[in-house]
Amino acid sequence: MNFIRETITAFRMTLVVWLLTAIIYPLGILVIGQAFFPFQANGSVMVNLDTQPIGSALIGQTFTSEGYFHGRPSSVRYSQGKQASPTGISGGSNFAPSNPALLERILERATELQEENIQPLADLIYASGSGLDPHISLRAARQQLSRVALARDVKEDEIIPLINRYTDNRFLRVFGEPGVNVLRLNYALDLQDINSQ
């Protein structure tokens, strides 16, 4: 009799915990997210003037045109280009520092930057741990400023306010370094071109 009572109690407790953790809590978070933070809850997807998605502000994009700021390189080439692997997998290459392929990749990237008269800074040469980092440092953005201004036929002084506007500060004003969101900055440059025409 005691065993049956304890089994029923255990079953009830399991059911209550399951209801709380598998149904009530997720639904509560979903409602709060959609009600108060819809942009963030839906992946921070940015859309163009035609309301077509152009990318997520949280995921690094590949920009190769001279008129755009280039982001950090990615080992996984997550979503763009001929070598893209849109598998939903993120991560680094996991090459050891002694691996010749890593050294070759770094030297190739550094040479490309030097040909563009850009100082090969760490965040323009090395991929982030996730391979999806959407930010570059302020210094890396300023290194590319002349190239972008020349390609777009605008003065550098017209781009600097946009760099400042799309710079995300340190998390809680303590952790990390300020970073420029490359997708948001490049889209703002496109909007600036549209507005000037």
C-alpha atoms as a PDB file:
ATOM      1  CA  MET A   1       0.000   0.000   0.000  1.00  0.00           C
ATOM      2  CA  ASN A   2       2.824   2.361   0.913  1.00  0.00           C
ATOM      3  CA  PHE A   3       4.645   1.476  -2.316  1.00  0.00           C
ATOM      4  CA  ILE A   4       1.591   2.362  -4.426  1.00  0.00           C
ATOM      5  CA  ARG A   5       1.173   5.719  -2.616  1.00  0.00           C
ATOM      6  CA  GLU A   6       4.858   6.598  -3.198  1.00  0.00           C
ATOM      7  CA  THR A   7       4.600   5.598  -6.854  1.00  0.00           C
ATOM      8  CA  ILE A   8       1.563   7.845  -7.344  1.00  0.00           C
ATOM      9  CA  THR A   9       3.372  10.721  -5.571  1.00  0.00           C
ATOM     10  CA  ALA A  10       6.446  10.238  -7.763  1.00  0.00           C
ATOM     11  CA  PHE A  11       4.266  10.157 -10.869  1.00  0.00           C
ATOM     12  CA  ARG A  12       2.495  13.380  -9.829  1.00  0.00           C
ATOM     13  CA  MET A  13       5.813  15.120  -9.093  1.00  0.00           C
ATOM     14  CA  THR A  14       7.206  14.029 -12.468  1.00  0.00           C
ATOM     15  CA  LEU A  15       4.079  15.297 -14.210  1.00  0.00           C
ATOM     16  CA  VAL A  16       4.244  18.683 -12.425  1.00  0.00           C
ATOM     17  CA  VAL A  17       7.959  19.132 -13.185  1.00  0.00           C
ATOM     18  CA  TRP A  18       7.356  18.129 -16.801  1.00  0.00           C
ATOM     19  CA  LEU A  19       4.488  20.621 -17.133  1.00  0.00           C
ATOM     20  CA  LEU A  20       6.623  23.402 -15.619  1.00  0.00           C
ATOM     21  CA  THR A  21       9.823  22.767 -17.566  1.00  0.00           C
ATOM     22  CA  ALA A  22       8.516  21.426 -20.878  1.00  0.00           C
ATOM     23  CA  ILE A  23       5.341  23.449 -21.398  1.00  0.00           C
ATOM     24  CA  ILE A  24       4.756  26.402 -19.064  1.00  0.00           C
ATOM     25  CA  TYR A  25       8.325  27.783 -18.972  1.00  0.00           C
ATOM     26  CA  PRO A  26       8.999  27.535 -22.749  1.00  0.00           C
ATOM     27  CA  LEU A  27       5.604  29.050 -23.573  1.00  0.00           C
ATOM     28  CA  GLY A  28       6.216  31.855 -21.062  1.00  0.00           C
ATOM     29  CA  ILE A  29       9.613  32.639 -22.580  1.00  0.00           C
ATOM     30  CA  LEU A  30       8.103  32.521 -26.082  1.00  0.00           C
ATOM     31  CA  VAL A  31       5.319  34.959 -25.145  1.00  0.00           C
ATOM     32  CA  ILE A  32       7.694  37.349 -23.334  1.00  0.00           C
ATOM     33  CA  GLY A  33      10.176  37.227 -26.212  1.00  0.00           C
ATOM     34  CA  GLN A  34       7.570  37.871 -28.903  1.00  0.00           C
ATOM     35  CA  ALA A  35       5.827  40.577 -26.875  1.00  0.00           C
ATOM     36  CA  PHE A  36       8.832  42.575 -25.652  1.00  0.00           C
ATOM     37  CA  PHE A  37      11.802  41.547 -27.860  1.00  0.00           C
ATOM     38  CA  PRO A  38      10.417  40.396 -31.237  1.00  0.00           C
ATOM     39  CA  PHE A  39      13.492  41.415 -33.287  1.00  0.00           C
ATOM     40  CA  GLN A  40      15.886  39.500 -31.025  1.00  0.00           C
ATOM     41  CA  ALA A  41      13.521  36.550 -30.485  1.00  0.00           C
ATOM     42  CA  ASN A  42      13.226  36.007 -34.228  1.00  0.00           C
ATOM     43  CA  GLY A  43      16.974  35.873 -34.869  1.00  0.00           C
ATOM     44  CA  SER A  44      17.766  39.593 -35.332  1.00  0.00           C
ATOM     45  CA  VAL A  45      17.090  39.205 -39.058  1.00  0.00           C
ATOM     46  CA  MET A  46      17.637  42.423 -40.989  1.00  0.00           C
ATOM     47  CA  VAL A  47      15.499  43.190 -44.025  1.00  0.00           C
ATOM     48  CA  ASN A  48      16.082  45.549 -46.952  1.00  0.00           C
ATOM     49  CA  LEU A  49      13.699  48.176 -48.306  1.00  0.00           C
ATOM     50  CA  ASP A  50      11.780  45.452 -50.145  1.00  0.00           C
ATOM     51  CA  THR A  51      11.333  43.605 -46.809  1.00  0.00           C
ATOM     52  CA  GLN A  52      13.525  40.742 -48.019  1.00  0.00           C
ATOM     53  CA  PRO A  53      15.916  39.271 -45.429  1.00  0.00           C
ATOM     54  CA  ILE A  54      19.562  40.206 -45.968  1.00  0.00           C
ATOM     55  CA  GLY A  55      21.062  38.424 -42.971  1.00  0.00           C
ATOM     56  CA  SER A  56      21.163  38.237 -39.220  1.00  0.00           C
ATOM     57  CA  ALA A  57      22.913  40.965 -37.257  1.00  0.00           C
ATOM     58  CA  LEU A  58      24.231  38.163 -35.021  1.00  0.00           C
ATOM     59  CA  ILE A  59      26.009  36.152 -37.722  1.00  0.00           C
ATOM     60  CA  GLY A  60      29.000  37.288 -39.747  1.00  0.00           C
ATOM     61  CA  GLN A  61      28.450  37.643 -43.477  1.00  0.00           C
ATOM     62  CA  THR A  62      30.975  37.447 -46.300  1.00  0.00           C
ATOM     63  CA  PHE A  63      31.559  40.752 -48.101  1.00  0.00           C
ATOM     64  CA  THR A  64      34.043  40.773 -50.978  1.00  0.00           C
ATOM     65  CA  SER A  65      33.197  43.978 -52.845  1.00  0.00           C
ATOM     66  CA  GLU A  66      35.567  46.920 -52.429  1.00  0.00           C
ATOM     67  CA  GLY A  67      32.617  49.121 -51.450  1.00  0.00           C
ATOM     68  CA  TYR A  68      31.935  47.116 -48.302  1.00  0.00           C
ATOM     69  CA  PHE A  69      33.736  46.635 -45.028  1.00  0.00           C
ATOM     70  CA  HIS A  70      35.031  43.092 -44.759  1.00  0.00           C
ATOM     71  CA  GLY A  71      34.260  41.078 -41.646  1.00  0.00           C
ATOM     72  CA  ARG A  72      36.270  38.444 -39.871  1.00  0.00           C
ATOM     73  CA  PRO A  73      37.246  35.407 -41.895  1.00  0.00           C
ATOM     74  CA  SER A  74      35.383  32.201 -41.111  1.00  0.00           C
ATOM     75  CA  SER A  75      36.727  28.667 -41.026  1.00  0.00           C
ATOM     76  CA  VAL A  76      33.290  27.200 -41.655  1.00  0.00           C
ATOM     77  CA  ARG A  77      32.124  29.624 -44.384  1.00  0.00           C
ATOM     78  CA  TYR A  78      28.721  29.337 -42.770  1.00  0.00           C
ATOM     79  CA  SER A  79      26.245  30.733 -45.247  1.00  0.00           C
ATOM     80  CA  GLN A  80      27.794  32.346 -48.288  1.00  0.00           C
ATOM     81  CA  GLY A  81      30.136  31.836 -51.167  1.00  0.00           C
ATOM     82  CA  LYS A  82      31.002  28.870 -53.339  1.00  0.00           C
ATOM     83  CA  GLN A  83      32.460  26.936 -50.405  1.00  0.00           C
ATOM     84  CA  ALA A  84      29.521  27.619 -48.100  1.00  0.00           C
ATOM     85  CA  SER A  85      28.403  24.887 -45.764  1.00  0.00           C
ATOM     86  CA  PRO A  86      24.906  25.929 -44.603  1.00  0.00           C
ATOM     87  CA  THR A  87      24.636  23.011 -42.227  1.00  0.00           C
ATOM     88  CA  GLY A  88      23.939  25.024 -39.094  1.00  0.00           C
ATOM     89  CA  ILE A  89      27.339  24.049 -37.742  1.00  0.00           C
ATOM     90  CA  SER A  90      29.649  26.673 -36.317  1.00  0.00           C
ATOM     91  CA  GLY A  91      33.179  26.420 -35.052  1.00  0.00           C
ATOM     92  CA  GLY A  92      36.816  26.964 -35.768  1.00  0.00           C
ATOM     93  CA  SER A  93      39.114  24.956 -37.986  1.00  0.00           C
ATOM     94  CA  ASN A  94      40.742  23.264 -34.967  1.00  0.00           C
ATOM     95  CA  PHE A  95      44.079  23.431 -36.757  1.00  0.00           C
ATOM     96  CA  ALA A  96      46.995  23.265 -34.354  1.00  0.00           C
ATOM     97  CA  PRO A  97      49.425  26.221 -34.458  1.00  0.00           C
ATOM     98  CA  SER A  98      51.954  23.869 -36.045  1.00  0.00           C
ATOM     99  CA  ASN A  99      49.593  22.891 -38.889  1.00  0.00           C
ATOM    100  CA  PRO A 100      50.938  24.145 -42.255  1.00  0.00           C
ATOM    101  CA  ALA A 101      47.369  24.693 -43.551  1.00  0.00           C
ATOM    102  CA  LEU A 102      46.709  27.243 -40.793  1.00  0.00           C
ATOM    103  CA  LEU A 103      49.931  29.106 -41.530  1.00  0.00           C
ATOM    104  CA  GLU A 104      49.135  29.080 -45.257  1.00  0.00           C
ATOM    105  CA  ARG A 105      45.643  30.489 -44.630  1.00  0.00           C
ATOM    106  CA  ILE A 106      46.988  33.251 -42.379  1.00  0.00           C
ATOM    107  CA  LEU A 107      49.747  34.237 -44.819  1.00  0.00           C
ATOM    108  CA  GLU A 108      47.289  34.271 -47.721  1.00  0.00           C
ATOM    109  CA  ARG A 109      44.893  36.539 -45.839  1.00  0.00           C
ATOM    110  CA  ALA A 110      47.710  38.844 -44.673  1.00  0.00           C
ATOM    111  CA  THR A 111      48.985  39.170 -48.253  1.00  0.00           C
ATOM    112  CA  GLU A 112      45.491  40.058 -49.522  1.00  0.00           C
ATOM    113  CA  LEU A 113      45.187  42.767 -46.878  1.00  0.00           C
ATOM    114  CA  GLN A 114      48.620  44.207 -47.621  1.00  0.00           C
ATOM    115  CA  GLU A 115      47.726  44.390 -51.333  1.00  0.00           C
ATOM    116  CA  GLU A 116      44.724  46.517 -50.296  1.00  0.00           C
ATOM    117  CA  ASN A 117      47.035  48.725 -48.163  1.00  0.00           C
ATOM    118  CA  ILE A 118      45.355  47.455 -44.993  1.00  0.00           C
ATOM    119  CA  GLN A 119      47.398  46.601 -41.942  1.00  0.00           C
ATOM    120  CA  PRO A 120      46.838  42.884 -41.241  1.00  0.00           C
ATOM    121  CA  LEU A 121      45.199  43.128 -37.813  1.00  0.00           C
ATOM    122  CA  ALA A 122      44.321  40.041 -35.800  1.00  0.00           C
ATOM    123  CA  ASP A 123      40.559  40.228 -36.326  1.00  0.00           C
ATOM    124  CA  LEU A 124      41.027  40.551 -40.093  1.00  0.00           C
ATOM    125  CA  ILE A 125      43.357  37.535 -40.263  1.00  0.00           C
ATOM    126  CA  TYR A 126      42.148  35.070 -37.638  1.00  0.00           C
ATOM    127  CA  ALA A 127      38.696  33.509 -37.569  1.00  0.00           C
ATOM    128  CA  SER A 128      36.724  33.673 -34.350  1.00  0.00           C
ATOM    129  CA  GLY A 129      36.139  30.547 -32.284  1.00  0.00           C
ATOM    130  CA  SER A 130      32.571  30.191 -33.560  1.00  0.00           C
ATOM    131  CA  GLY A 131      33.388  31.271 -37.106  1.00  0.00           C
ATOM    132  CA  LEU A 132      30.264  33.445 -37.009  1.00  0.00           C
ATOM    133  CA  ASP A 133      31.433  36.652 -35.310  1.00  0.00           C
ATOM    134  CA  PRO A 134      29.569  39.620 -36.846  1.00  0.00           C
ATOM    135  CA  HIS A 135      31.939  42.260 -35.426  1.00  0.00           C
ATOM    136  CA  ILE A 136      35.323  43.726 -36.213  1.00  0.00           C
ATOM    137  CA  SER A 137      37.313  46.094 -34.031  1.00  0.00           C
ATOM    138  CA  LEU A 138      37.136  49.856 -34.489  1.00  0.00           C
ATOM    139  CA  ARG A 139      40.758  49.758 -35.586  1.00  0.00           C
ATOM    140  CA  ALA A 140      39.976  47.176 -38.287  1.00  0.00           C
ATOM    141  CA  ALA A 141      37.081  49.310 -39.534  1.00  0.00           C
ATOM    142  CA  ARG A 142      39.282  52.408 -39.704  1.00  0.00           C
ATOM    143  CA  GLN A 143      41.913  50.428 -41.634  1.00  0.00           C
ATOM    144  CA  GLN A 144      39.313  49.739 -44.337  1.00  0.00           C
ATOM    145  CA  LEU A 145      37.834  53.244 -44.340  1.00  0.00           C
ATOM    146  CA  SER A 146      39.953  54.630 -47.211  1.00  0.00           C
ATOM    147  CA  ARG A 147      39.218  51.668 -49.490  1.00  0.00           C
ATOM    148  CA  VAL A 148      35.462  51.828 -48.893  1.00  0.00           C
ATOM    149  CA  ALA A 149      35.309  55.617 -49.288  1.00  0.00           C
ATOM    150  CA  LEU A 150      37.264  55.442 -52.556  1.00  0.00           C
ATOM    151  CA  ALA A 151      35.092  52.615 -53.933  1.00  0.00           C
ATOM    152  CA  ARG A 152      31.884  54.483 -53.070  1.00  0.00           C
ATOM    153  CA  ASP A 153      33.264  57.867 -54.158  1.00  0.00           C
ATOM    154  CA  VAL A 154      32.439  59.550 -50.839  1.00  0.00           C
ATOM    155  CA  LYS A 155      34.520  61.346 -48.243  1.00  0.00           C
ATOM    156  CA  GLU A 156      35.782  59.393 -45.257  1.00  0.00           C
ATOM    157  CA  ASP A 157      34.084  61.943 -42.989  1.00  0.00           C
ATOM    158  CA  GLU A 158      30.707  60.754 -44.307  1.00  0.00           C
ATOM    159  CA  ILE A 159      31.403  57.161 -43.253  1.00  0.00           C
ATOM    160  CA  ILE A 160      32.913  57.795 -39.805  1.00  0.00           C
ATOM    161  CA  PRO A 161      29.540  58.678 -38.182  1.00  0.00           C
ATOM    162  CA  LEU A 162      28.134  55.376 -39.462  1.00  0.00           C
ATOM    163  CA  ILE A 163      31.056  53.459 -37.984  1.00  0.00           C
ATOM    164  CA  ASN A 164      30.409  55.149 -34.650  1.00  0.00           C
ATOM    165  CA  ARG A 165      26.652  54.508 -34.843  1.00  0.00           C
ATOM    166  CA  TYR A 166      27.051  50.784 -35.494  1.00  0.00           C
ATOM    167  CA  THR A 167      29.717  50.185 -32.882  1.00  0.00           C
ATOM    168  CA  ASP A 168      28.449  47.985 -30.061  1.00  0.00           C
ATOM    169  CA  ASN A 169      29.989  48.882 -26.721  1.00  0.00           C
ATOM    170  CA  ARG A 170      31.411  46.496 -24.165  1.00  0.00           C
ATOM    171  CA  PHE A 171      28.912  44.051 -22.665  1.00  0.00           C
ATOM    172  CA  LEU A 172      27.722  45.579 -19.363  1.00  0.00           C
ATOM    173  CA  ARG A 173      30.413  48.233 -19.981  1.00  0.00           C
ATOM    174  CA  VAL A 174      32.997  45.813 -18.605  1.00  0.00           C
ATOM    175  CA  PHE A 175      33.381  42.667 -20.721  1.00  0.00           C
ATOM    176  CA  GLY A 176      35.036  42.476 -24.124  1.00  0.00           C
ATOM    177  CA  GLU A 177      35.941  45.276 -26.482  1.00  0.00           C
ATOM    178  CA  PRO A 178      33.777  47.576 -28.595  1.00  0.00           C
ATOM    179  CA  GLY A 179      33.034  46.073 -32.003  1.00  0.00           C
ATOM    180  CA  VAL A 180      31.567  47.320 -35.279  1.00  0.00           C
ATOM    181  CA  ASN A 181      28.672  45.244 -36.612  1.00  0.00           C
ATOM    182  CA  VAL A 182      29.720  44.747 -40.241  1.00  0.00           C
ATOM    183  CA  LEU A 183      26.313  43.809 -41.698  1.00  0.00           C
ATOM    184  CA  ARG A 184      24.545  46.774 -40.103  1.00  0.00           C
ATOM    185  CA  LEU A 185      27.321  49.161 -41.190  1.00  0.00           C
ATOM    186  CA  ASN A 186      27.358  47.921 -44.792  1.00  0.00           C
ATOM    187  CA  TYR A 187      23.589  48.129 -45.066  1.00  0.00           C
ATOM    188  CA  ALA A 188      23.690  51.682 -43.678  1.00  0.00           C
ATOM    189  CA  LEU A 189      26.217  52.538 -46.402  1.00  0.00           C
ATOM    190  CA  ASP A 190      23.836  51.174 -49.030  1.00  0.00           C
ATOM    191  CA  LEU A 191      20.975  53.222 -47.556  1.00  0.00           C
ATOM    192  CA  GLN A 192      23.185  56.309 -47.581  1.00  0.00           C
ATOM    193  CA  ASP A 193      23.878  55.750 -51.284  1.00  0.00           C
ATOM    194  CA  ILE A 194      20.159  55.338 -52.007  1.00  0.00           C
ATOM    195  CA  ASN A 195      19.279  58.515 -50.080  1.00  0.00           C
ATOM    196  CA  SER A 196      21.963  60.550 -51.854  1.00  0.00           C
ATOM    197  CA  GLN A 197      20.576  59.699 -55.317  1.00  0.00           C
END
